[in-house]
Amino acid sequence: MTKHLRRVKASIIMGILLISTVICLVNTASSKIIEYPSLITIEITPESIAALQEPIDIESVLIVQLKIGYSVTIPAWAESGGTLARLWLFGSPIQYPQLIHLEIEGKPDWADIALAVPDVYIQNFSTSPVYTTADLIITPYIDAPAVPITVRIKATAGDIGRILGVVYHRTLNFEPDYIPLIRVETEKPTRQVAPREPINFEITIMNMGNKETLVNGRVLDAPDKWAALISPTQLPLGPGETATVTVSMTAPYDFGWHNEIRAFTVEFTPEKSPPSTPPVTGSAQIVQLRVNSIGFSTPGFEFVLLFTALIISLIIIKKRTKK
């Protein structure tokens, strides 16, 4: 009985070894004949798609969640993952996981775009997609332009046994947020004028933002009799561009006969171009302009004039009294 069992066990072992040898020989002979294509897909979660549709704040971190799918066109019987299936697919009773390497192509210099884990693994092989996840991290720098940008996610799986490697690309679009920022300055904020004299103030404006900006200017507190005008009232400026705006006015007739000072406030507001509804604007920049006149009199001149007029009046009255 014992001898019989030993013979049975030996026969089973010999059968397994024979089958393994045959499969190995078949694998060697047909490894370049029978191969199975593989497929990779990359999906973006709905939450991440919604986040990418909005501008990304400068110096903020956006995590884009990716769903990586991997499938193989193997026979149905090989999906079981048994010993014979592994021997047929990989030429070994050991099944190794499939490595998928992820990388970003077309990264701009003004943003940090990286994968939290660049390598992911698929443990099972099936004709239906087997999924794993990965996180893509986007951080726009302060110098990022507020324009749409497209990068590509590249996924690469190498050959493994009879399963062929594959390369897959998925595009991803995003846009950094707009920075409405301008610098306003003038070399001569204070000027002297006489009555009815026109005067011009030259104001330099620079777009410090990351997109074309419309600069809207207005004089806030000038009475109508000063005829204050700003030209142009709206100025388009590209990133880093500089232009000059002129604020012109004419002193009224009753200004400048005495020592007087008049202050004016000019406001410049940056707005995203092209304009949107509601408008996207930044903080207004204020320039204070001053107009003064030393007048045509000196201290005490009014008293002397009054005293002289009084004397002349007395002289005239005295002459009339004598008559």
C-alpha atoms as a PDB file:
ATOM      1  CA  MET A   1       0.000   0.000   0.000  1.00  0.00           C
ATOM      2  CA  THR A   2       2.784   2.349   0.940  1.00  0.00           C
ATOM      3  CA  LYS A   3       4.675   1.530  -2.221  1.00  0.00           C
ATOM      4  CA  HIS A   4       1.539   2.200  -4.262  1.00  0.00           C
ATOM      5  CA  LEU A   5       1.083   5.649  -2.715  1.00  0.00           C
ATOM      6  CA  ARG A   6       4.696   6.460  -3.341  1.00  0.00           C
ATOM      7  CA  ARG A   7       4.275   5.503  -6.967  1.00  0.00           C
ATOM      8  CA  VAL A   8       1.163   7.699  -7.247  1.00  0.00           C
ATOM      9  CA  LYS A   9       2.937  10.687  -5.701  1.00  0.00           C
ATOM     10  CA  ALA A  10       5.923  10.171  -7.914  1.00  0.00           C
ATOM     11  CA  SER A  11       3.659   9.982 -10.945  1.00  0.00           C
ATOM     12  CA  ILE A  12       1.942  13.242  -9.982  1.00  0.00           C
ATOM     13  CA  ILE A  13       5.246  15.011  -9.467  1.00  0.00           C
ATOM     14  CA  MET A  14       6.582  13.673 -12.725  1.00  0.00           C
ATOM     15  CA  GLY A  15       3.396  14.781 -14.462  1.00  0.00           C
ATOM     16  CA  ILE A  16       3.704  18.307 -13.083  1.00  0.00           C
ATOM     17  CA  LEU A  17       7.335  18.469 -14.062  1.00  0.00           C
ATOM     18  CA  LEU A  18       6.505  17.155 -17.508  1.00  0.00           C
ATOM     19  CA  ILE A  19       3.708  19.653 -17.997  1.00  0.00           C
ATOM     20  CA  SER A  20       5.924  22.471 -16.738  1.00  0.00           C
ATOM     21  CA  THR A  21       8.686  21.383 -19.093  1.00  0.00           C
ATOM     22  CA  VAL A  22       6.291  21.214 -22.006  1.00  0.00           C
ATOM     23  CA  ILE A  23       4.863  24.665 -21.187  1.00  0.00           C
ATOM     24  CA  CYS A  24       8.350  26.107 -20.847  1.00  0.00           C
ATOM     25  CA  LEU A  25       9.311  24.595 -24.195  1.00  0.00           C
ATOM     26  CA  VAL A  26       6.120  25.951 -25.738  1.00  0.00           C
ATOM     27  CA  ASN A  27       6.776  29.351 -24.166  1.00  0.00           C
ATOM     28  CA  THR A  28      10.276  29.370 -25.569  1.00  0.00           C
ATOM     29  CA  ALA A  29       9.107  28.331 -28.988  1.00  0.00           C
ATOM     30  CA  SER A  30       6.039  30.551 -29.158  1.00  0.00           C
ATOM     31  CA  SER A  31       6.995  33.506 -26.973  1.00  0.00           C
ATOM     32  CA  LYS A  32       7.367  35.704 -30.067  1.00  0.00           C
ATOM     33  CA  ILE A  33       4.327  34.242 -31.743  1.00  0.00           C
ATOM     34  CA  ILE A  34       1.617  34.417 -29.093  1.00  0.00           C
ATOM     35  CA  GLU A  35       1.625  37.780 -27.281  1.00  0.00           C
ATOM     36  CA  TYR A  36      -1.102  39.793 -25.601  1.00  0.00           C
ATOM     37  CA  PRO A  37      -1.548  43.561 -25.937  1.00  0.00           C
ATOM     38  CA  SER A  38      -2.214  45.648 -22.836  1.00  0.00           C
ATOM     39  CA  LEU A  39      -4.089  48.897 -22.340  1.00  0.00           C
ATOM     40  CA  ILE A  40      -3.709  51.820 -19.909  1.00  0.00           C
ATOM     41  CA  THR A  41      -6.330  54.466 -19.170  1.00  0.00           C
ATOM     42  CA  ILE A  42      -6.072  57.593 -17.002  1.00  0.00           C
ATOM     43  CA  GLU A  43      -9.208  59.157 -15.606  1.00  0.00           C
ATOM     44  CA  ILE A  44      -9.577  62.328 -13.538  1.00  0.00           C
ATOM     45  CA  THR A  45     -12.083  62.245 -10.699  1.00  0.00           C
ATOM     46  CA  PRO A  46     -15.151  64.516 -11.035  1.00  0.00           C
ATOM     47  CA  GLU A  47     -14.045  66.548  -8.002  1.00  0.00           C
ATOM     48  CA  SER A  48     -10.668  67.238  -9.593  1.00  0.00           C
ATOM     49  CA  ILE A  49     -12.254  68.097 -12.951  1.00  0.00           C
ATOM     50  CA  ALA A  50     -14.430  70.691 -11.204  1.00  0.00           C
ATOM     51  CA  ALA A  51     -11.372  72.139  -9.429  1.00  0.00           C
ATOM     52  CA  LEU A  52      -9.415  72.392 -12.699  1.00  0.00           C
ATOM     53  CA  GLN A  53     -12.219  74.365 -14.325  1.00  0.00           C
ATOM     54  CA  GLU A  54     -11.526  77.222 -11.884  1.00  0.00           C
ATOM     55  CA  PRO A  55      -8.326  79.335 -11.875  1.00  0.00           C
ATOM     56  CA  ILE A  56      -5.734  78.016  -9.418  1.00  0.00           C
ATOM     57  CA  ASP A  57      -4.651  80.478  -6.744  1.00  0.00           C
ATOM     58  CA  ILE A  58      -1.035  81.591  -6.936  1.00  0.00           C
ATOM     59  CA  GLU A  59       1.276  79.771  -4.484  1.00  0.00           C
ATOM     60  CA  SER A  60      -1.549  77.390  -3.548  1.00  0.00           C
ATOM     61  CA  VAL A  61      -1.555  73.587  -3.819  1.00  0.00           C
ATOM     62  CA  LEU A  62      -4.099  71.731  -5.948  1.00  0.00           C
ATOM     63  CA  ILE A  63      -4.174  67.935  -5.715  1.00  0.00           C
ATOM     64  CA  VAL A  64      -5.582  66.259  -8.827  1.00  0.00           C
ATOM     65  CA  GLN A  65      -6.725  62.698  -8.199  1.00  0.00           C
ATOM     66  CA  LEU A  66      -5.974  60.253 -11.017  1.00  0.00           C
ATOM     67  CA  LYS A  67      -7.515  56.837 -11.597  1.00  0.00           C
ATOM     68  CA  ILE A  68      -5.156  54.511 -13.482  1.00  0.00           C
ATOM     69  CA  GLY A  69      -6.690  51.527 -15.282  1.00  0.00           C
ATOM     70  CA  TYR A  70      -4.797  48.535 -16.730  1.00  0.00           C
ATOM     71  CA  SER A  71      -6.181  45.643 -18.754  1.00  0.00           C
ATOM     72  CA  VAL A  72      -4.766  42.790 -20.865  1.00  0.00           C
ATOM     73  CA  THR A  73      -6.344  40.838 -23.742  1.00  0.00           C
ATOM     74  CA  ILE A  74      -5.475  37.389 -22.323  1.00  0.00           C
ATOM     75  CA  PRO A  75      -7.570  34.228 -22.684  1.00  0.00           C
ATOM     76  CA  ALA A  76     -10.358  33.781 -20.165  1.00  0.00           C
ATOM     77  CA  TRP A  77      -8.752  30.685 -18.630  1.00  0.00           C
ATOM     78  CA  ALA A  78      -5.552  32.687 -17.938  1.00  0.00           C
ATOM     79  CA  GLU A  79      -7.417  35.197 -15.796  1.00  0.00           C
ATOM     80  CA  SER A  80      -7.637  32.670 -12.972  1.00  0.00           C
ATOM     81  CA  GLY A  81      -4.051  33.350 -12.045  1.00  0.00           C
ATOM     82  CA  GLY A  82      -3.336  29.683 -11.384  1.00  0.00           C
ATOM     83  CA  THR A  83       0.018  27.982 -11.763  1.00  0.00           C
ATOM     84  CA  LEU A  84      -0.587  26.933 -15.337  1.00  0.00           C
ATOM     85  CA  ALA A  85      -1.778  30.446 -16.246  1.00  0.00           C
ATOM     86  CA  ARG A  86       1.328  31.973 -14.694  1.00  0.00           C
ATOM     87  CA  LEU A  87       3.585  29.512 -16.457  1.00  0.00           C
ATOM     88  CA  TRP A  88       1.899  30.302 -19.756  1.00  0.00           C
ATOM     89  CA  LEU A  89       1.922  34.093 -19.342  1.00  0.00           C
ATOM     90  CA  PHE A  90       5.197  34.649 -17.549  1.00  0.00           C
ATOM     91  CA  GLY A  91       7.178  31.423 -18.022  1.00  0.00           C
ATOM     92  CA  SER A  92       7.354  31.092 -14.256  1.00  0.00           C
ATOM     93  CA  PRO A  93       5.069  29.899 -11.452  1.00  0.00           C
ATOM     94  CA  ILE A  94       5.646  33.298  -9.832  1.00  0.00           C
ATOM     95  CA  GLN A  95       3.445  36.188 -10.904  1.00  0.00           C
ATOM     96  CA  TYR A  96       5.119  39.570 -10.824  1.00  0.00           C
ATOM     97  CA  PRO A  97       3.112  42.808 -10.603  1.00  0.00           C
ATOM     98  CA  GLN A  98       3.006  45.174 -13.548  1.00  0.00           C
ATOM     99  CA  LEU A  99       4.874  48.447 -12.948  1.00  0.00           C
ATOM    100  CA  ILE A 100       3.344  51.580 -14.485  1.00  0.00           C
ATOM    101  CA  HIS A 101       5.632  54.601 -14.516  1.00  0.00           C
ATOM    102  CA  LEU A 102       4.021  58.050 -14.582  1.00  0.00           C
ATOM    103  CA  GLU A 103       5.651  61.306 -15.673  1.00  0.00           C
ATOM    104  CA  ILE A 104       4.642  64.839 -16.699  1.00  0.00           C
ATOM    105  CA  GLU A 105       5.542  66.255 -20.103  1.00  0.00           C
ATOM    106  CA  GLY A 106       5.494  69.936 -21.063  1.00  0.00           C
ATOM    107  CA  LYS A 107       5.869  71.327 -17.538  1.00  0.00           C
ATOM    108  CA  PRO A 108       6.233  75.148 -17.480  1.00  0.00           C
ATOM    109  CA  ASP A 109       8.985  76.835 -15.476  1.00  0.00           C
ATOM    110  CA  TRP A 110       6.475  78.935 -13.521  1.00  0.00           C
ATOM    111  CA  ALA A 111       4.724  76.041 -11.771  1.00  0.00           C
ATOM    112  CA  ASP A 112       5.639  73.008  -9.687  1.00  0.00           C
ATOM    113  CA  ILE A 113       3.855  70.006 -11.198  1.00  0.00           C
ATOM    114  CA  ALA A 114       4.739  66.633  -9.748  1.00  0.00           C
ATOM    115  CA  LEU A 115       3.325  63.204  -8.996  1.00  0.00           C
ATOM    116  CA  ALA A 116       3.182  62.220  -5.347  1.00  0.00           C
ATOM    117  CA  VAL A 117       4.211  58.670  -6.343  1.00  0.00           C
ATOM    118  CA  PRO A 118       5.537  58.290  -9.913  1.00  0.00           C
ATOM    119  CA  ASP A 119       5.378  54.461  -9.907  1.00  0.00           C
ATOM    120  CA  VAL A 120       2.197  52.444  -9.339  1.00  0.00           C
ATOM    121  CA  TYR A 121       1.701  48.664  -9.467  1.00  0.00           C
ATOM    122  CA  ILE A 122      -1.045  46.392 -10.793  1.00  0.00           C
ATOM    123  CA  GLN A 123      -1.234  43.041  -9.012  1.00  0.00           C
ATOM    124  CA  ASN A 124      -3.875  41.246 -11.094  1.00  0.00           C
ATOM    125  CA  PHE A 125      -4.167  40.747 -14.835  1.00  0.00           C
ATOM    126  CA  SER A 126      -7.602  40.806 -16.422  1.00  0.00           C
ATOM    127  CA  THR A 127      -9.437  41.688 -19.608  1.00  0.00           C
ATOM    128  CA  SER A 128     -11.448  44.137 -17.483  1.00  0.00           C
ATOM    129  CA  PRO A 129      -9.570  47.219 -16.206  1.00  0.00           C
ATOM    130  CA  VAL A 130      -7.873  46.851 -12.845  1.00  0.00           C
ATOM    131  CA  TYR A 131      -7.555  50.239 -11.144  1.00  0.00           C
ATOM    132  CA  THR A 132      -5.105  51.999  -8.901  1.00  0.00           C
ATOM    133  CA  THR A 133      -4.780  55.689  -7.948  1.00  0.00           C
ATOM    134  CA  ALA A 134      -2.194  58.464  -8.072  1.00  0.00           C
ATOM    135  CA  ASP A 135      -2.107  62.124  -7.011  1.00  0.00           C
ATOM    136  CA  LEU A 136      -0.859  64.947  -9.226  1.00  0.00           C
ATOM    137  CA  ILE A 137       0.169  68.116  -7.358  1.00  0.00           C
ATOM    138  CA  ILE A 138       0.042  71.574  -9.029  1.00  0.00           C
ATOM    139  CA  THR A 139       1.445  74.772  -7.471  1.00  0.00           C
ATOM    140  CA  PRO A 140       1.625  77.952  -9.630  1.00  0.00           C
ATOM    141  CA  TYR A 141       4.493  80.295  -8.719  1.00  0.00           C
ATOM    142  CA  ILE A 142       4.135  84.044  -8.243  1.00  0.00           C
ATOM    143  CA  ASP A 143       5.326  84.686 -11.815  1.00  0.00           C
ATOM    144  CA  ALA A 144       2.769  82.327 -13.381  1.00  0.00           C
ATOM    145  CA  PRO A 145       0.823  83.986 -16.228  1.00  0.00           C
ATOM    146  CA  ALA A 146      -2.957  83.889 -16.022  1.00  0.00           C
ATOM    147  CA  VAL A 147      -3.341  81.950 -19.277  1.00  0.00           C
ATOM    148  CA  PRO A 148      -4.537  78.380 -19.984  1.00  0.00           C
ATOM    149  CA  ILE A 149      -1.779  75.753 -20.126  1.00  0.00           C
ATOM    150  CA  THR A 150      -1.817  72.125 -21.248  1.00  0.00           C
ATOM    151  CA  VAL A 151       0.491  69.398 -19.906  1.00  0.00           C
ATOM    152  CA  ARG A 152       0.571  65.672 -20.679  1.00  0.00           C
ATOM    153  CA  ILE A 153       0.592  62.751 -18.294  1.00  0.00           C
ATOM    154  CA  LYS A 154       2.620  59.880 -19.718  1.00  0.00           C
ATOM    155  CA  ALA A 155       2.054  56.329 -18.432  1.00  0.00           C
ATOM    156  CA  THR A 156       4.454  53.547 -19.423  1.00  0.00           C
ATOM    157  CA  ALA A 157       4.153  49.786 -18.755  1.00  0.00           C
ATOM    158  CA  GLY A 158       6.952  47.492 -19.910  1.00  0.00           C
ATOM    159  CA  ASP A 159       6.822  43.986 -21.382  1.00  0.00           C
ATOM    160  CA  ILE A 160       6.205  41.249 -18.852  1.00  0.00           C
ATOM    161  CA  GLY A 161       6.243  37.689 -20.218  1.00  0.00           C
ATOM    162  CA  ARG A 162       3.831  37.377 -23.112  1.00  0.00           C
ATOM    163  CA  ILE A 163       2.129  40.650 -22.153  1.00  0.00           C
ATOM    164  CA  LEU A 164       3.278  43.528 -24.300  1.00  0.00           C
ATOM    165  CA  GLY A 165       4.195  46.907 -22.924  1.00  0.00           C
ATOM    166  CA  VAL A 166       2.196  50.038 -23.654  1.00  0.00           C
ATOM    167  CA  VAL A 167       2.560  53.837 -23.529  1.00  0.00           C
ATOM    168  CA  TYR A 168      -0.439  56.099 -22.911  1.00  0.00           C
ATOM    169  CA  HIS A 169      -0.840  59.903 -22.821  1.00  0.00           C
ATOM    170  CA  ARG A 170      -3.535  61.988 -21.173  1.00  0.00           C
ATOM    171  CA  THR A 171      -3.734  65.788 -21.465  1.00  0.00           C
ATOM    172  CA  LEU A 172      -4.554  68.027 -18.511  1.00  0.00           C
ATOM    173  CA  ASN A 173      -5.513  71.719 -18.713  1.00  0.00           C
ATOM    174  CA  PHE A 174      -5.367  74.354 -15.993  1.00  0.00           C
ATOM    175  CA  GLU A 175      -5.012  78.125 -15.590  1.00  0.00           C
ATOM    176  CA  PRO A 176      -3.330  80.145 -12.810  1.00  0.00           C
ATOM    177  CA  ASP A 177      -5.432  82.822 -11.182  1.00  0.00           C
ATOM    178  CA  TYR A 178      -5.243  86.483 -12.221  1.00  0.00           C
ATOM    179  CA  ILE A 179      -3.227  88.914 -10.084  1.00  0.00           C
ATOM    180  CA  PRO A 180      -4.669  92.463 -10.482  1.00  0.00           C
ATOM    181  CA  LEU A 181      -1.652  94.546  -9.470  1.00  0.00           C
ATOM    182  CA  ILE A 182      -0.363  97.885 -10.771  1.00  0.00           C
ATOM    183  CA  ARG A 183       2.236 100.449  -9.703  1.00  0.00           C
ATOM    184  CA  VAL A 184       1.411 104.155 -10.024  1.00  0.00           C
ATOM    185  CA  GLU A 185       3.829 107.037  -9.560  1.00  0.00           C
ATOM    186  CA  THR A 186       4.452 110.629 -10.646  1.00  0.00           C
ATOM    187  CA  GLU A 187       7.643 112.699 -10.414  1.00  0.00           C
ATOM    188  CA  LYS A 188       5.951 116.060  -9.775  1.00  0.00           C
ATOM    189  CA  PRO A 189       2.800 115.694  -7.682  1.00  0.00           C
ATOM    190  CA  THR A 190       2.854 119.412  -6.724  1.00  0.00           C
ATOM    191  CA  ARG A 191       2.697 122.271  -9.247  1.00  0.00           C
ATOM    192  CA  GLN A 192       2.255 126.071  -9.154  1.00  0.00           C
ATOM    193  CA  VAL A 193      -0.353 127.832 -11.269  1.00  0.00           C
ATOM    194  CA  ALA A 194      -1.852 131.259 -11.862  1.00  0.00           C
ATOM    195  CA  PRO A 195      -5.542 132.033 -12.510  1.00  0.00           C
ATOM    196  CA  ARG A 196      -6.789 130.547 -15.795  1.00  0.00           C
ATOM    197  CA  GLU A 197      -3.480 128.734 -16.313  1.00  0.00           C
ATOM    198  CA  PRO A 198      -3.686 125.133 -17.684  1.00  0.00           C
ATOM    199  CA  ILE A 199      -1.504 122.450 -16.132  1.00  0.00           C
ATOM    200  CA  ASN A 200      -0.705 118.791 -16.898  1.00  0.00           C
ATOM    201  CA  PHE A 201       0.406 116.016 -14.547  1.00  0.00           C
ATOM    202  CA  GLU A 202       2.202 113.017 -16.071  1.00  0.00           C
ATOM    203  CA  ILE A 203       1.474 109.745 -14.195  1.00  0.00           C
ATOM    204  CA  THR A 204       3.347 106.520 -14.953  1.00  0.00           C
ATOM    205  CA  ILE A 205       1.500 103.199 -14.596  1.00  0.00           C
ATOM    206  CA  MET A 206       3.094  99.726 -14.710  1.00  0.00           C
ATOM    207  CA  ASN A 207       1.231  96.413 -14.890  1.00  0.00           C
ATOM    208  CA  MET A 208       2.707  94.242 -12.137  1.00  0.00           C
ATOM    209  CA  GLY A 209       0.134  91.484 -12.709  1.00  0.00           C
ATOM    210  CA  ASN A 210       0.323  88.229 -14.667  1.00  0.00           C
ATOM    211  CA  LYS A 211      -2.127  89.035 -17.473  1.00  0.00           C
ATOM    212  CA  GLU A 212      -3.191  91.909 -19.704  1.00  0.00           C
ATOM    213  CA  THR A 213      -4.895  94.448 -17.466  1.00  0.00           C
ATOM    214  CA  LEU A 214      -7.267  97.331 -18.118  1.00  0.00           C
ATOM    215  CA  VAL A 215      -6.369 100.317 -15.937  1.00  0.00           C
ATOM    216  CA  ASN A 216      -9.371 102.553 -15.259  1.00  0.00           C
ATOM    217  CA  GLY A 217      -8.597 106.087 -14.061  1.00  0.00           C
ATOM    218  CA  ARG A 218     -10.744 108.888 -12.668  1.00  0.00           C
ATOM    219  CA  VAL A 219     -10.372 112.154 -10.745  1.00  0.00           C
ATOM    220  CA  LEU A 220     -12.452 111.867  -7.600  1.00  0.00           C
ATOM    221  CA  ASP A 221     -12.848 115.321  -6.085  1.00  0.00           C
ATOM    222  CA  ALA A 222     -12.297 118.032  -8.704  1.00  0.00           C
ATOM    223  CA  PRO A 223     -14.965 120.761  -8.890  1.00  0.00           C
ATOM    224  CA  ASP A 224     -16.389 121.428 -12.338  1.00  0.00           C
ATOM    225  CA  LYS A 225     -14.742 124.848 -12.571  1.00  0.00           C
ATOM    226  CA  TRP A 226     -11.301 123.166 -12.634  1.00  0.00           C
ATOM    227  CA  ALA A 227     -12.198 121.249 -15.846  1.00  0.00           C
ATOM    228  CA  ALA A 228     -10.129 118.233 -14.704  1.00  0.00           C
ATOM    229  CA  LEU A 229      -9.651 115.529 -17.334  1.00  0.00           C
ATOM    230  CA  ILE A 230      -7.727 112.247 -17.439  1.00  0.00           C
ATOM    231  CA  SER A 231      -6.483 110.849 -20.742  1.00  0.00           C
ATOM    232  CA  PRO A 232      -6.905 108.067 -21.487  1.00  0.00           C
ATOM    233  CA  THR A 233      -9.535 107.052 -18.961  1.00  0.00           C
ATOM    234  CA  GLN A 234      -8.906 103.351 -19.717  1.00  0.00           C
ATOM    235  CA  LEU A 235      -5.505 101.932 -20.575  1.00  0.00           C
ATOM    236  CA  PRO A 236      -4.713  98.317 -21.628  1.00  0.00           C
ATOM    237  CA  LEU A 237      -1.333  97.057 -20.383  1.00  0.00           C
ATOM    238  CA  GLY A 238       0.336  93.696 -20.915  1.00  0.00           C
ATOM    239  CA  PRO A 239       2.302  92.027 -18.107  1.00  0.00           C
ATOM    240  CA  GLY A 240       5.302  94.203 -17.262  1.00  0.00           C
ATOM    241  CA  GLU A 241       4.284  97.016 -19.639  1.00  0.00           C
ATOM    242  CA  THR A 242       4.473 100.694 -18.674  1.00  0.00           C
ATOM    243  CA  ALA A 243       2.495 103.654 -20.023  1.00  0.00           C
ATOM    244  CA  THR A 244       1.792 107.283 -19.154  1.00  0.00           C
ATOM    245  CA  VAL A 245      -1.537 108.890 -18.316  1.00  0.00           C
ATOM    246  CA  THR A 246      -2.060 112.659 -18.362  1.00  0.00           C
ATOM    247  CA  VAL A 247      -4.250 114.483 -15.847  1.00  0.00           C
ATOM    248  CA  SER A 248      -4.974 117.984 -17.157  1.00  0.00           C
ATOM    249  CA  MET A 249      -6.845 120.839 -15.511  1.00  0.00           C
ATOM    250  CA  THR A 250      -7.210 124.623 -15.695  1.00  0.00           C
ATOM    251  CA  ALA A 251      -7.165 126.813 -12.606  1.00  0.00           C
ATOM    252  CA  PRO A 252     -10.365 128.871 -12.272  1.00  0.00           C
ATOM    253  CA  TYR A 253     -10.313 132.662 -12.361  1.00  0.00           C
ATOM    254  CA  ASP A 254     -10.698 133.015  -8.581  1.00  0.00           C
ATOM    255  CA  PHE A 255      -7.700 130.773  -7.777  1.00  0.00           C
ATOM    256  CA  GLY A 256      -4.212 132.171  -7.394  1.00  0.00           C
ATOM    257  CA  TRP A 257      -4.799 135.754  -6.234  1.00  0.00           C
ATOM    258  CA  HIS A 258      -3.688 134.744  -2.769  1.00  0.00           C
ATOM    259  CA  ASN A 259      -1.493 131.998  -1.341  1.00  0.00           C
ATOM    260  CA  GLU A 260      -3.716 128.927  -1.889  1.00  0.00           C
ATOM    261  CA  ILE A 261      -3.369 125.132  -2.041  1.00  0.00           C
ATOM    262  CA  ARG A 262      -5.802 122.744  -3.708  1.00  0.00           C
ATOM    263  CA  ALA A 263      -5.478 118.927  -3.502  1.00  0.00           C
ATOM    264  CA  PHE A 264      -6.952 116.399  -5.934  1.00  0.00           C
ATOM    265  CA  THR A 265      -7.295 112.618  -5.634  1.00  0.00           C
ATOM    266  CA  VAL A 266      -6.803 110.457  -8.733  1.00  0.00           C
ATOM    267  CA  GLU A 267      -7.779 106.777  -8.578  1.00  0.00           C
ATOM    268  CA  PHE A 268      -6.520 103.942 -10.813  1.00  0.00           C
ATOM    269  CA  THR A 269      -8.193 100.509 -10.679  1.00  0.00           C
ATOM    270  CA  PRO A 270      -6.820  97.370 -12.396  1.00  0.00           C
ATOM    271  CA  GLU A 271      -9.362  95.144 -14.158  1.00  0.00           C
ATOM    272  CA  LYS A 272      -8.963  91.777 -15.880  1.00  0.00           C
ATOM    273  CA  SER A 273      -8.894  91.944 -19.672  1.00  0.00           C
ATOM    274  CA  PRO A 274     -11.082  91.170 -21.503  1.00  0.00           C
ATOM    275  CA  PRO A 275     -13.742  92.426 -19.072  1.00  0.00           C
ATOM    276  CA  SER A 276     -16.062  89.889 -17.486  1.00  0.00           C
ATOM    277  CA  THR A 277     -19.407  90.007 -15.693  1.00  0.00           C
ATOM    278  CA  PRO A 278     -19.042  90.637 -12.831  1.00  0.00           C
ATOM    279  CA  PRO A 279     -15.721  92.439 -13.398  1.00  0.00           C
ATOM    280  CA  VAL A 280     -12.571  91.048 -11.782  1.00  0.00           C
ATOM    281  CA  THR A 281     -10.720  93.996 -10.256  1.00  0.00           C
ATOM    282  CA  GLY A 282      -7.891  94.620  -7.828  1.00  0.00           C
ATOM    283  CA  SER A 283      -7.195  97.228  -5.188  1.00  0.00           C
ATOM    284  CA  ALA A 284      -7.349 100.805  -6.414  1.00  0.00           C
ATOM    285  CA  GLN A 285      -4.126 102.835  -6.345  1.00  0.00           C
ATOM    286  CA  ILE A 286      -4.399 106.468  -5.215  1.00  0.00           C
ATOM    287  CA  VAL A 287      -2.312 109.454  -6.342  1.00  0.00           C
ATOM    288  CA  GLN A 288      -2.545 112.805  -4.555  1.00  0.00           C
ATOM    289  CA  LEU A 289      -1.969 115.867  -6.744  1.00  0.00           C
ATOM    290  CA  ARG A 290      -1.503 119.379  -5.341  1.00  0.00           C
ATOM    291  CA  VAL A 291      -1.847 122.760  -6.988  1.00  0.00           C
ATOM    292  CA  ASN A 292      -0.707 125.908  -5.220  1.00  0.00           C
ATOM    293  CA  SER A 293      -0.193 129.598  -5.906  1.00  0.00           C
ATOM    294  CA  ILE A 294       1.782 132.220  -4.004  1.00  0.00           C
ATOM    295  CA  GLY A 295      -0.718 134.849  -5.178  1.00  0.00           C
ATOM    296  CA  PHE A 296      -0.008 138.418  -6.137  1.00  0.00           C
ATOM    297  CA  SER A 297       0.147 139.919  -2.597  1.00  0.00           C
ATOM    298  CA  THR A 298       2.671 139.844   0.171  1.00  0.00           C
ATOM    299  CA  PRO A 299       1.885 139.707   3.901  1.00  0.00           C
ATOM    300  CA  GLY A 300       0.436 143.084   5.060  1.00  0.00           C
ATOM    301  CA  PHE A 301      -0.252 144.234   1.512  1.00  0.00           C
ATOM    302  CA  GLU A 302      -3.993 144.248   2.113  1.00  0.00           C
ATOM    303  CA  PHE A 303      -3.597 146.542   5.192  1.00  0.00           C
ATOM    304  CA  VAL A 304      -1.422 148.997   3.275  1.00  0.00           C
ATOM    305  CA  LEU A 305      -3.919 149.048   0.424  1.00  0.00           C
ATOM    306  CA  LEU A 306      -6.786 149.659   2.823  1.00  0.00           C
ATOM    307  CA  PHE A 307      -4.878 152.396   4.647  1.00  0.00           C
ATOM    308  CA  THR A 308      -3.990 154.096   1.373  1.00  0.00           C
ATOM    309  CA  ALA A 309      -7.580 153.971   0.193  1.00  0.00           C
ATOM    310  CA  LEU A 310      -8.712 155.475   3.517  1.00  0.00           C
ATOM    311  CA  ILE A 311      -6.273 158.395   3.211  1.00  0.00           C
ATOM    312  CA  ILE A 312      -7.339 159.081  -0.365  1.00  0.00           C
ATOM    313  CA  SER A 313     -10.977 159.072   0.717  1.00  0.00           C
ATOM    314  CA  LEU A 314     -10.269 161.537   3.514  1.00  0.00           C
ATOM    315  CA  ILE A 315      -8.417 163.854   1.147  1.00  0.00           C
ATOM    316  CA  ILE A 316     -11.312 163.815  -1.328  1.00  0.00           C
ATOM    317  CA  ILE A 317     -13.833 164.513   1.440  1.00  0.00           C
ATOM    318  CA  LYS A 318     -11.706 167.377   2.809  1.00  0.00           C
ATOM    319  CA  LYS A 319     -11.461 169.040  -0.615  1.00  0.00           C
ATOM    320  CA  ARG A 320     -15.193 168.815  -1.133  1.00  0.00           C
ATOM    321  CA  THR A 321     -15.804 170.300   2.339  1.00  0.00           C
ATOM    322  CA  LYS A 322     -13.646 173.362   1.540  1.00  0.00           C
ATOM    323  CA  LYS A 323     -15.650 174.037  -1.590  1.00  0.00           C
END
